[in-house]
Amino acid sequence: MHYRSPVDALTDEELLSHIDALLRASDPPFDRVMTRLVELDWKPSGQGSAFVLALALFNKAYVKHRDEADVMESVRLAQAEVLAHPVISKVVAQTAGSAVDSAVGVA
């Protein structure tokens, strides 16, 4: 089956089932990673470490919402939670600001 846009593919039940299985299966490893990072008194600094935090937050929120919502709604709710997190929103704002500065030639 060919979809006209990538978003259309997210209506495919088989694909959604695989996404759901992947996210649910990755919950325990993400939990162990975040537990260890907390033990190490880790604080995200920069895009790379913020990305790790965002992945872990997304996964945890997805699994939490999945008990009450379908796959796509759980994805939307998890995405909103991640973007509302203070560390993640700060990195997103800094990245967007840098992109705008670069586009207009501000160094």
PDB file of N, CA and C in Angstrom:
ATOM      1  N   MET A   1       0.855  -1.179   0.000  1.00  0.00           N
ATOM      2  CA  MET A   1       0.000   0.000   0.000  1.00  0.00           C
ATOM      3  C   MET A   1       0.897   1.236   0.000  1.00  0.00           C
ATOM      4  N   HIS A   2       0.574   2.196  -0.823  1.00  0.00           N
ATOM      5  CA  HIS A   2       1.343   3.433  -0.927  1.00  0.00           C
ATOM      6  C   HIS A   2       0.522   4.576  -0.347  1.00  0.00           C
ATOM      7  N   TYR A   3       1.158   5.355   0.537  1.00  0.00           N
ATOM      8  CA  TYR A   3       0.487   6.496   1.144  1.00  0.00           C
ATOM      9  C   TYR A   3       0.986   7.772   0.494  1.00  0.00           C
ATOM     10  N   ARG A   4       0.090   8.722   0.332  1.00  0.00           N
ATOM     11  CA  ARG A   4       0.454   9.986  -0.299  1.00  0.00           C
ATOM     12  C   ARG A   4       1.338  10.850   0.582  1.00  0.00           C
ATOM     13  N   SER A   5       1.208  10.721   1.863  1.00  0.00           N
ATOM     14  CA  SER A   5       2.038  11.514   2.767  1.00  0.00           C
ATOM     15  C   SER A   5       2.445  10.644   3.948  1.00  0.00           C
ATOM     16  N   PRO A   6       3.541  11.031   4.614  1.00  0.00           N
ATOM     17  CA  PRO A   6       3.966  10.247   5.791  1.00  0.00           C
ATOM     18  C   PRO A   6       2.900  10.192   6.884  1.00  0.00           C
ATOM     19  N   VAL A   7       2.109  11.238   6.999  1.00  0.00           N
ATOM     20  CA  VAL A   7       1.070  11.268   8.031  1.00  0.00           C
ATOM     21  C   VAL A   7       0.023  10.198   7.753  1.00  0.00           C
ATOM     22  N   ASP A   8      -0.302   9.979   6.460  1.00  0.00           N
ATOM     23  CA  ASP A   8      -1.280   8.950   6.111  1.00  0.00           C
ATOM     24  C   ASP A   8      -0.837   7.578   6.608  1.00  0.00           C
ATOM     25  N   ALA A   9       0.461   7.321   6.603  1.00  0.00           N
ATOM     26  CA  ALA A   9       0.973   6.029   7.050  1.00  0.00           C
ATOM     27  C   ALA A   9       0.627   5.784   8.511  1.00  0.00           C
ATOM     28  N   LEU A  10       0.473   6.848   9.277  1.00  0.00           N
ATOM     29  CA  LEU A  10       0.164   6.696  10.696  1.00  0.00           C
ATOM     30  C   LEU A  10      -1.292   6.317  10.949  1.00  0.00           C
ATOM     31  N   THR A  11      -2.032   6.052   9.885  1.00  0.00           N
ATOM     32  CA  THR A  11      -3.385   5.522  10.035  1.00  0.00           C
ATOM     33  C   THR A  11      -3.405   4.015   9.806  1.00  0.00           C
ATOM     34  N   ASP A  12      -2.262   3.444   9.454  1.00  0.00           N
ATOM     35  CA  ASP A  12      -2.158   2.015   9.190  1.00  0.00           C
ATOM     36  C   ASP A  12      -2.134   1.256  10.515  1.00  0.00           C
ATOM     37  N   GLU A  13      -3.112   0.398  10.721  1.00  0.00           N
ATOM     38  CA  GLU A  13      -3.237  -0.317  11.999  1.00  0.00           C
ATOM     39  C   GLU A  13      -2.044  -1.222  12.289  1.00  0.00           C
ATOM     40  N   GLU A  14      -1.500  -1.857  11.256  1.00  0.00           N
ATOM     41  CA  GLU A  14      -0.349  -2.726  11.483  1.00  0.00           C
ATOM     42  C   GLU A  14       0.860  -1.914  11.937  1.00  0.00           C
ATOM     43  N   LEU A  15       1.090  -0.768  11.279  1.00  0.00           N
ATOM     44  CA  LEU A  15       2.192   0.107  11.679  1.00  0.00           C
ATOM     45  C   LEU A  15       2.001   0.608  13.104  1.00  0.00           C
ATOM     46  N   LEU A  16       0.793   1.042  13.424  1.00  0.00           N
ATOM     47  CA  LEU A  16       0.516   1.527  14.777  1.00  0.00           C
ATOM     48  C   LEU A  16       0.750   0.430  15.814  1.00  0.00           C
ATOM     49  N   SER A  17       0.411  -0.789  15.466  1.00  0.00           N
ATOM     50  CA  SER A  17       0.643  -1.908  16.374  1.00  0.00           C
ATOM     51  C   SER A  17       2.140  -2.108  16.631  1.00  0.00           C
ATOM     52  N   HIS A  18       2.949  -1.963  15.571  1.00  0.00           N
ATOM     53  CA  HIS A  18       4.401  -2.109  15.731  1.00  0.00           C
ATOM     54  C   HIS A  18       4.986  -0.960  16.557  1.00  0.00           C
ATOM     55  N   ILE A  19       4.497   0.246  16.328  1.00  0.00           N
ATOM     56  CA  ILE A  19       4.949   1.400  17.110  1.00  0.00           C
ATOM     57  C   ILE A  19       4.615   1.191  18.579  1.00  0.00           C
ATOM     58  N   ASP A  20       3.395   0.736  18.828  1.00  0.00           N
ATOM     59  CA  ASP A  20       2.963   0.479  20.201  1.00  0.00           C
ATOM     60  C   ASP A  20       3.856  -0.570  20.869  1.00  0.00           C
ATOM     61  N   ALA A  21       4.124  -1.652  20.159  1.00  0.00           N
ATOM     62  CA  ALA A  21       4.964  -2.721  20.720  1.00  0.00           C
ATOM     63  C   ALA A  21       6.373  -2.203  21.008  1.00  0.00           C
ATOM     64  N   LEU A  22       6.914  -1.421  20.091  1.00  0.00           N
ATOM     65  CA  LEU A  22       8.255  -0.867  20.280  1.00  0.00           C
ATOM     66  C   LEU A  22       8.322   0.029  21.513  1.00  0.00           C
ATOM     67  N   LEU A  23       7.362   0.941  21.627  1.00  0.00           N
ATOM     68  CA  LEU A  23       7.386   1.879  22.748  1.00  0.00           C
ATOM     69  C   LEU A  23       7.144   1.178  24.079  1.00  0.00           C
ATOM     70  N   ARG A  24       6.250   0.224  24.100  1.00  0.00           N
ATOM     71  CA  ARG A  24       6.007  -0.512  25.351  1.00  0.00           C
ATOM     72  C   ARG A  24       7.219  -1.349  25.748  1.00  0.00           C
ATOM     73  N   ALA A  25       7.857  -1.977  24.763  1.00  0.00           N
ATOM     74  CA  ALA A  25       9.022  -2.815  25.057  1.00  0.00           C
ATOM     75  C   ALA A  25      10.214  -1.992  25.516  1.00  0.00           C
ATOM     76  N   SER A  26      10.299  -0.753  25.072  1.00  0.00           N
ATOM     77  CA  SER A  26      11.450   0.079  25.441  1.00  0.00           C
ATOM     78  C   SER A  26      11.272   0.775  26.787  1.00  0.00           C
ATOM     79  N   ASP A  27      10.121   0.624  27.405  1.00  0.00           N
ATOM     80  CA  ASP A  27       9.887   1.275  28.699  1.00  0.00           C
ATOM     81  C   ASP A  27      10.851   0.799  29.784  1.00  0.00           C
ATOM     82  N   PRO A  28      11.026  -0.506  30.002  1.00  0.00           N
ATOM     83  CA  PRO A  28      11.973  -0.923  31.054  1.00  0.00           C
ATOM     84  C   PRO A  28      13.418  -0.458  30.809  1.00  0.00           C
ATOM     85  N   PRO A  29      13.950  -0.580  29.577  1.00  0.00           N
ATOM     86  CA  PRO A  29      15.321  -0.073  29.376  1.00  0.00           C
ATOM     87  C   PRO A  29      15.443   1.435  29.617  1.00  0.00           C
ATOM     88  N   PHE A  30      14.464   2.201  29.161  1.00  0.00           N
ATOM     89  CA  PHE A  30      14.511   3.644  29.415  1.00  0.00           C
ATOM     90  C   PHE A  30      14.456   3.933  30.903  1.00  0.00           C
ATOM     91  N   ASP A  31      13.647   3.175  31.618  1.00  0.00           N
ATOM     92  CA  ASP A  31      13.552   3.362  33.067  1.00  0.00           C
ATOM     93  C   ASP A  31      14.897   3.089  33.734  1.00  0.00           C
ATOM     94  N   ARG A  32      15.581   2.033  33.298  1.00  0.00           N
ATOM     95  CA  ARG A  32      16.896   1.709  33.870  1.00  0.00           C
ATOM     96  C   ARG A  32      17.926   2.793  33.532  1.00  0.00           C
ATOM     97  N   VAL A  33      17.891   3.284  32.302  1.00  0.00           N
ATOM     98  CA  VAL A  33      18.817   4.354  31.906  1.00  0.00           C
ATOM     99  C   VAL A  33      18.591   5.591  32.764  1.00  0.00           C
ATOM    100  N   MET A  34      17.337   6.006  32.908  1.00  0.00           N
ATOM    101  CA  MET A  34      17.058   7.219  33.674  1.00  0.00           C
ATOM    102  C   MET A  34      17.360   7.022  35.158  1.00  0.00           C
ATOM    103  N   THR A  35      17.096   5.846  35.680  1.00  0.00           N
ATOM    104  CA  THR A  35      17.432   5.569  37.081  1.00  0.00           C
ATOM    105  C   THR A  35      18.936   5.714  37.289  1.00  0.00           C
ATOM    106  N   ARG A  36      19.707   5.162  36.378  1.00  0.00           N
ATOM    107  CA  ARG A  36      21.162   5.252  36.511  1.00  0.00           C
ATOM    108  C   ARG A  36      21.640   6.686  36.359  1.00  0.00           C
ATOM    109  N   LEU A  37      21.079   7.432  35.438  1.00  0.00           N
ATOM    110  CA  LEU A  37      21.480   8.826  35.265  1.00  0.00           C
ATOM    111  C   LEU A  37      21.175   9.645  36.520  1.00  0.00           C
ATOM    112  N   VAL A  38      20.058   9.375  37.156  1.00  0.00           N
ATOM    113  CA  VAL A  38      19.712  10.066  38.403  1.00  0.00           C
ATOM    114  C   VAL A  38      20.717   9.680  39.496  1.00  0.00           C
ATOM    115  N   GLU A  39      21.077   8.402  39.550  1.00  0.00           N
ATOM    116  CA  GLU A  39      22.075   7.958  40.526  1.00  0.00           C
ATOM    117  C   GLU A  39      23.409   8.680  40.327  1.00  0.00           C
ATOM    118  N   LEU A  40      23.714   8.984  39.077  1.00  0.00           N
ATOM    119  CA  LEU A  40      24.961   9.689  38.756  1.00  0.00           C
ATOM    120  C   LEU A  40      24.838  11.202  38.901  1.00  0.00           C
ATOM    121  N   ASP A  41      23.669  11.671  39.355  1.00  0.00           N
ATOM    122  CA  ASP A  41      23.375  13.104  39.502  1.00  0.00           C
ATOM    123  C   ASP A  41      23.531  13.843  38.169  1.00  0.00           C
ATOM    124  N   TRP A  42      23.082  13.197  37.104  1.00  0.00           N
ATOM    125  CA  TRP A  42      23.170  13.717  35.752  1.00  0.00           C
ATOM    126  C   TRP A  42      22.215  14.877  35.540  1.00  0.00           C
ATOM    127  N   LYS A  43      22.703  15.887  34.871  1.00  0.00           N
ATOM    128  CA  LYS A  43      21.875  17.026  34.465  1.00  0.00           C
ATOM    129  C   LYS A  43      22.083  17.224  32.970  1.00  0.00           C
ATOM    130  N   PRO A  44      21.009  17.281  32.198  1.00  0.00           N
ATOM    131  CA  PRO A  44      21.173  17.465  30.758  1.00  0.00           C
ATOM    132  C   PRO A  44      21.816  18.818  30.448  1.00  0.00           C
ATOM    133  N   SER A  45      22.759  18.786  29.515  1.00  0.00           N
ATOM    134  CA  SER A  45      23.386  20.019  29.059  1.00  0.00           C
ATOM    135  C   SER A  45      23.648  19.877  27.571  1.00  0.00           C
ATOM    136  N   GLY A  46      22.980  20.665  26.802  1.00  0.00           N
ATOM    137  CA  GLY A  46      23.141  20.601  25.355  1.00  0.00           C
ATOM    138  C   GLY A  46      22.082  19.734  24.698  1.00  0.00           C
ATOM    139  N   GLN A  47      22.108  19.763  23.374  1.00  0.00           N
ATOM    140  CA  GLN A  47      21.075  19.068  22.611  1.00  0.00           C
ATOM    141  C   GLN A  47      21.123  17.559  22.768  1.00  0.00           C
ATOM    142  N   GLY A  48      22.299  16.979  22.777  1.00  0.00           N
ATOM    143  CA  GLY A  48      22.409  15.524  22.859  1.00  0.00           C
ATOM    144  C   GLY A  48      21.801  14.959  24.127  1.00  0.00           C
ATOM    145  N   SER A  49      22.180  15.531  25.254  1.00  0.00           N
ATOM    146  CA  SER A  49      21.646  15.019  26.518  1.00  0.00           C
ATOM    147  C   SER A  49      20.168  15.373  26.682  1.00  0.00           C
ATOM    148  N   ALA A  50      19.754  16.508  26.134  1.00  0.00           N
ATOM    149  CA  ALA A  50      18.326  16.850  26.169  1.00  0.00           C
ATOM    150  C   ALA A  50      17.522  15.874  25.322  1.00  0.00           C
ATOM    151  N   PHE A  51      18.123  15.401  24.231  1.00  0.00           N
ATOM    152  CA  PHE A  51      17.456  14.418  23.381  1.00  0.00           C
ATOM    153  C   PHE A  51      17.253  13.101  24.135  1.00  0.00           C
ATOM    154  N   VAL A  52      18.254  12.677  24.879  1.00  0.00           N
ATOM    155  CA  VAL A  52      18.116  11.464  25.695  1.00  0.00           C
ATOM    156  C   VAL A  52      16.983  11.640  26.696  1.00  0.00           C
ATOM    157  N   LEU A  53      16.958  12.793  27.348  1.00  0.00           N
ATOM    158  CA  LEU A  53      15.887  13.078  28.301  1.00  0.00           C
ATOM    159  C   LEU A  53      14.531  13.079  27.600  1.00  0.00           C
ATOM    160  N   ALA A  54      14.446  13.712  26.440  1.00  0.00           N
ATOM    161  CA  ALA A  54      13.183  13.775  25.699  1.00  0.00           C
ATOM    162  C   ALA A  54      12.696  12.377  25.314  1.00  0.00           C
ATOM    163  N   LEU A  55      13.604  11.526  24.869  1.00  0.00           N
ATOM    164  CA  LEU A  55      13.219  10.157  24.522  1.00  0.00           C
ATOM    165  C   LEU A  55      12.643   9.421  25.730  1.00  0.00           C
ATOM    166  N   ALA A  56      13.328   9.534  26.851  1.00  0.00           N
ATOM    167  CA  ALA A  56      12.872   8.845  28.063  1.00  0.00           C
ATOM    168  C   ALA A  56      11.533   9.407  28.537  1.00  0.00           C
ATOM    169  N   LEU A  57      11.397  10.727  28.513  1.00  0.00           N
ATOM    170  CA  LEU A  57      10.133  11.347  28.927  1.00  0.00           C
ATOM    171  C   LEU A  57       8.995  10.939  28.002  1.00  0.00           C
ATOM    172  N   PHE A  58       9.268  10.941  26.684  1.00  0.00           N
ATOM    173  CA  PHE A  58       8.252  10.555  25.707  1.00  0.00           C
ATOM    174  C   PHE A  58       7.796   9.123  25.952  1.00  0.00           C
ATOM    175  N   ASN A  59       8.756   8.245  26.134  1.00  0.00           N
ATOM    176  CA  ASN A  59       8.426   6.842  26.342  1.00  0.00           C
ATOM    177  C   ASN A  59       7.573   6.649  27.586  1.00  0.00           C
ATOM    178  N   LYS A  60       7.982   7.268  28.675  1.00  0.00           N
ATOM    179  CA  LYS A  60       7.249   7.127  29.943  1.00  0.00           C
ATOM    180  C   LYS A  60       5.825   7.685  29.808  1.00  0.00           C
ATOM    181  N   ALA A  61       5.698   8.844  29.181  1.00  0.00           N
ATOM    182  CA  ALA A  61       4.375   9.456  29.010  1.00  0.00           C
ATOM    183  C   ALA A  61       3.499   8.621  28.071  1.00  0.00           C
ATOM    184  N   TYR A  62       4.093   8.106  27.010  1.00  0.00           N
ATOM    185  CA  TYR A  62       3.334   7.272  26.067  1.00  0.00           C
ATOM    186  C   TYR A  62       2.744   6.066  26.786  1.00  0.00           C
ATOM    187  N   VAL A  63       3.575   5.346  27.529  1.00  0.00           N
ATOM    188  CA  VAL A  63       3.119   4.141  28.224  1.00  0.00           C
ATOM    189  C   VAL A  63       2.033   4.494  29.238  1.00  0.00           C
ATOM    190  N   LYS A  64       2.205   5.620  29.925  1.00  0.00           N
ATOM    191  CA  LYS A  64       1.194   6.059  30.897  1.00  0.00           C
ATOM    192  C   LYS A  64      -0.152   6.327  30.204  1.00  0.00           C
ATOM    193  N   HIS A  65      -0.114   7.058  29.097  1.00  0.00           N
ATOM    194  CA  HIS A  65      -1.355   7.412  28.399  1.00  0.00           C
ATOM    195  C   HIS A  65      -1.972   6.237  27.657  1.00  0.00           C
ATOM    196  N   ARG A  66      -1.147   5.270  27.315  1.00  0.00           N
ATOM    197  CA  ARG A  66      -1.635   4.140  26.519  1.00  0.00           C
ATOM    198  C   ARG A  66      -2.674   3.323  27.273  1.00  0.00           C
ATOM    199  N   ASP A  67      -2.673   3.391  28.594  1.00  0.00           N
ATOM    200  CA  ASP A  67      -3.685   2.683  29.373  1.00  0.00           C
ATOM    201  C   ASP A  67      -5.088   3.240  29.144  1.00  0.00           C
ATOM    202  N   GLU A  68      -5.174   4.509  28.736  1.00  0.00           N
ATOM    203  CA  GLU A  68      -6.475   5.164  28.576  1.00  0.00           C
ATOM    204  C   GLU A  68      -6.782   5.607  27.153  1.00  0.00           C
ATOM    205  N   ALA A  69      -5.786   5.598  26.261  1.00  0.00           N
ATOM    206  CA  ALA A  69      -5.989   6.161  24.926  1.00  0.00           C
ATOM    207  C   ALA A  69      -5.412   5.236  23.857  1.00  0.00           C
ATOM    208  N   ASP A  70      -5.815   5.491  22.606  1.00  0.00           N
ATOM    209  CA  ASP A  70      -5.252   4.697  21.507  1.00  0.00           C
ATOM    210  C   ASP A  70      -3.825   5.162  21.213  1.00  0.00           C
ATOM    211  N   VAL A  71      -3.189   4.512  20.263  1.00  0.00           N
ATOM    212  CA  VAL A  71      -1.782   4.771  19.979  1.00  0.00           C
ATOM    213  C   VAL A  71      -1.544   6.229  19.586  1.00  0.00           C
ATOM    214  N   MET A  72      -2.284   6.726  18.609  1.00  0.00           N
ATOM    215  CA  MET A  72      -2.030   8.097  18.135  1.00  0.00           C
ATOM    216  C   MET A  72      -2.338   9.149  19.199  1.00  0.00           C
ATOM    217  N   GLU A  73      -3.377   8.963  19.944  1.00  0.00           N
ATOM    218  CA  GLU A  73      -3.686   9.916  21.018  1.00  0.00           C
ATOM    219  C   GLU A  73      -2.598   9.867  22.087  1.00  0.00           C
ATOM    220  N   SER A  74      -2.105   8.683  22.379  1.00  0.00           N
ATOM    221  CA  SER A  74      -1.012   8.545  23.351  1.00  0.00           C
ATOM    222  C   SER A  74       0.244   9.243  22.845  1.00  0.00           C
ATOM    223  N   VAL A  75       0.527   9.119  21.551  1.00  0.00           N
ATOM    224  CA  VAL A  75       1.675   9.810  20.960  1.00  0.00           C
ATOM    225  C   VAL A  75       1.501  11.317  21.102  1.00  0.00           C
ATOM    226  N   ARG A  76       0.318  11.815  20.762  1.00  0.00           N
ATOM    227  CA  ARG A  76       0.061  13.276  20.865  1.00  0.00           C
ATOM    228  C   ARG A  76       0.199  13.774  22.306  1.00  0.00           C
ATOM    229  N   LEU A  77      -0.368  13.039  23.240  1.00  0.00           N
ATOM    230  CA  LEU A  77      -0.285  13.446  24.645  1.00  0.00           C
ATOM    231  C   LEU A  77       1.148  13.401  25.157  1.00  0.00           C
ATOM    232  N   ALA A  78       1.882  12.365  24.781  1.00  0.00           N
ATOM    233  CA  ALA A  78       3.283  12.249  25.199  1.00  0.00           C
ATOM    234  C   ALA A  78       4.118  13.377  24.599  1.00  0.00           C
ATOM    235  N   GLN A  79       3.879  13.680  23.333  1.00  0.00           N
ATOM    236  CA  GLN A  79       4.603  14.776  22.680  1.00  0.00           C
ATOM    237  C   GLN A  79       4.350  16.093  23.403  1.00  0.00           C
ATOM    238  N   ALA A  80       3.107  16.357  23.758  1.00  0.00           N
ATOM    239  CA  ALA A  80       2.774  17.596  24.470  1.00  0.00           C
ATOM    240  C   ALA A  80       3.479  17.660  25.822  1.00  0.00           C
ATOM    241  N   GLU A  81       3.526  16.538  26.527  1.00  0.00           N
ATOM    242  CA  GLU A  81       4.212  16.520  27.825  1.00  0.00           C
ATOM    243  C   GLU A  81       5.704  16.797  27.677  1.00  0.00           C
ATOM    244  N   VAL A  82       6.316  16.192  26.668  1.00  0.00           N
ATOM    245  CA  VAL A  82       7.753  16.397  26.460  1.00  0.00           C
ATOM    246  C   VAL A  82       8.036  17.855  26.126  1.00  0.00           C
ATOM    247  N   LEU A  83       7.267  18.424  25.222  1.00  0.00           N
ATOM    248  CA  LEU A  83       7.504  19.817  24.828  1.00  0.00           C
ATOM    249  C   LEU A  83       7.224  20.805  25.955  1.00  0.00           C
ATOM    250  N   ALA A  84       6.412  20.395  26.923  1.00  0.00           N
ATOM    251  CA  ALA A  84       6.120  21.266  28.068  1.00  0.00           C
ATOM    252  C   ALA A  84       7.171  21.153  29.169  1.00  0.00           C
ATOM    253  N   HIS A  85       8.026  20.157  29.093  1.00  0.00           N
ATOM    254  CA  HIS A  85       9.059  19.985  30.115  1.00  0.00           C
ATOM    255  C   HIS A  85      10.026  21.164  30.050  1.00  0.00           C
ATOM    256  N   PRO A  86      10.382  21.767  31.191  1.00  0.00           N
ATOM    257  CA  PRO A  86      11.213  22.978  31.174  1.00  0.00           C
ATOM    258  C   PRO A  86      12.559  22.816  30.465  1.00  0.00           C
ATOM    259  N   VAL A  87      13.231  21.707  30.669  1.00  0.00           N
ATOM    260  CA  VAL A  87      14.535  21.501  30.023  1.00  0.00           C
ATOM    261  C   VAL A  87      14.363  21.392  28.514  1.00  0.00           C
ATOM    262  N   ILE A  88      13.375  20.635  28.087  1.00  0.00           N
ATOM    263  CA  ILE A  88      13.157  20.419  26.661  1.00  0.00           C
ATOM    264  C   ILE A  88      12.690  21.709  25.991  1.00  0.00           C
ATOM    265  N   SER A  89      11.761  22.417  26.619  1.00  0.00           N
ATOM    266  CA  SER A  89      11.271  23.659  26.009  1.00  0.00           C
ATOM    267  C   SER A  89      12.388  24.692  25.893  1.00  0.00           C
ATOM    268  N   LYS A  90      13.299  24.704  26.844  1.00  0.00           N
ATOM    269  CA  LYS A  90      14.438  25.630  26.781  1.00  0.00           C
ATOM    270  C   LYS A  90      15.351  25.289  25.604  1.00  0.00           C
ATOM    271  N   VAL A  91      15.649  24.006  25.423  1.00  0.00           N
ATOM    272  CA  VAL A  91      16.509  23.586  24.313  1.00  0.00           C
ATOM    273  C   VAL A  91      15.831  23.881  22.976  1.00  0.00           C
ATOM    274  N   VAL A  92      14.539  23.608  22.878  1.00  0.00           N
ATOM    275  CA  VAL A  92      13.804  23.888  21.640  1.00  0.00           C
ATOM    276  C   VAL A  92      13.837  25.388  21.334  1.00  0.00           C
ATOM    277  N   ALA A  93      13.623  26.211  22.341  1.00  0.00           N
ATOM    278  CA  ALA A  93      13.648  27.663  22.139  1.00  0.00           C
ATOM    279  C   ALA A  93      15.035  28.136  21.720  1.00  0.00           C
ATOM    280  N   GLN A  94      16.076  27.604  22.363  1.00  0.00           N
ATOM    281  CA  GLN A  94      17.442  27.988  21.998  1.00  0.00           C
ATOM    282  C   GLN A  94      17.769  27.560  20.569  1.00  0.00           C
ATOM    283  N   THR A  95      17.358  26.369  20.206  1.00  0.00           N
ATOM    284  CA  THR A  95      17.617  25.867  18.864  1.00  0.00           C
ATOM    285  C   THR A  95      16.887  26.704  17.821  1.00  0.00           C
ATOM    286  N   ALA A  96      15.640  27.028  18.093  1.00  0.00           N
ATOM    287  CA  ALA A  96      14.879  27.858  17.167  1.00  0.00           C
ATOM    288  C   ALA A  96      15.498  29.251  17.069  1.00  0.00           C
ATOM    289  N   GLY A  97      15.902  29.797  18.196  1.00  0.00           N
ATOM    290  CA  GLY A  97      16.545  31.113  18.187  1.00  0.00           C
ATOM    291  C   GLY A  97      17.826  31.116  17.391  1.00  0.00           C
ATOM    292  N   SER A  98      18.628  30.080  17.542  1.00  0.00           N
ATOM    293  CA  SER A  98      19.861  29.964  16.775  1.00  0.00           C
ATOM    294  C   SER A  98      19.593  29.836  15.282  1.00  0.00           C
ATOM    295  N   ALA A  99      18.566  29.090  14.938  1.00  0.00           N
ATOM    296  CA  ALA A  99      18.203  28.906  13.523  1.00  0.00           C
ATOM    297  C   ALA A  99      17.767  30.238  12.910  1.00  0.00           C
ATOM    298  N   VAL A 100      16.983  30.998  13.655  1.00  0.00           N
ATOM    299  CA  VAL A 100      16.536  32.307  13.164  1.00  0.00           C
ATOM    300  C   VAL A 100      17.733  33.236  13.032  1.00  0.00           C
ATOM    301  N   ASP A 101      18.598  33.259  14.044  1.00  0.00           N
ATOM    302  CA  ASP A 101      19.791  34.110  13.972  1.00  0.00           C
ATOM    303  C   ASP A 101      20.646  33.766  12.760  1.00  0.00           C
ATOM    304  N   SER A 102      20.823  32.474  12.498  1.00  0.00           N
ATOM    305  CA  SER A 102      21.619  32.055  11.351  1.00  0.00           C
ATOM    306  C   SER A 102      20.960  32.475  10.044  1.00  0.00           C
ATOM    307  N   ALA A 103      19.641  32.360   9.995  1.00  0.00           N
ATOM    308  CA  ALA A 103      18.923  32.698   8.768  1.00  0.00           C
ATOM    309  C   ALA A 103      19.023  34.184   8.420  1.00  0.00           C
ATOM    310  N   VAL A 104      19.100  35.016   9.451  1.00  0.00           N
ATOM    311  CA  VAL A 104      19.175  36.458   9.191  1.00  0.00           C
ATOM    312  C   VAL A 104      20.591  36.988   9.263  1.00  0.00           C
ATOM    313  N   GLY A 105      21.548  36.092   9.469  1.00  0.00           N
ATOM    314  CA  GLY A 105      22.951  36.486   9.441  1.00  0.00           C
ATOM    315  C   GLY A 105      23.491  37.052  10.738  1.00  0.00           C
ATOM    316  N   VAL A 106      22.824  36.782  11.840  1.00  0.00           N
ATOM    317  CA  VAL A 106      23.321  37.231  13.140  1.00  0.00           C
ATOM    318  C   VAL A 106      24.222  36.122  13.681  1.00  0.00           C
ATOM    319  N   ALA A 107      25.414  36.489  14.072  1.00  0.00           N
ATOM    320  CA  ALA A 107      26.353  35.446  14.538  1.00  0.00           C
ATOM    321  C   ALA A 107      26.413  35.372  16.019  1.00  0.00           C
TER     322      ALA A 107
END
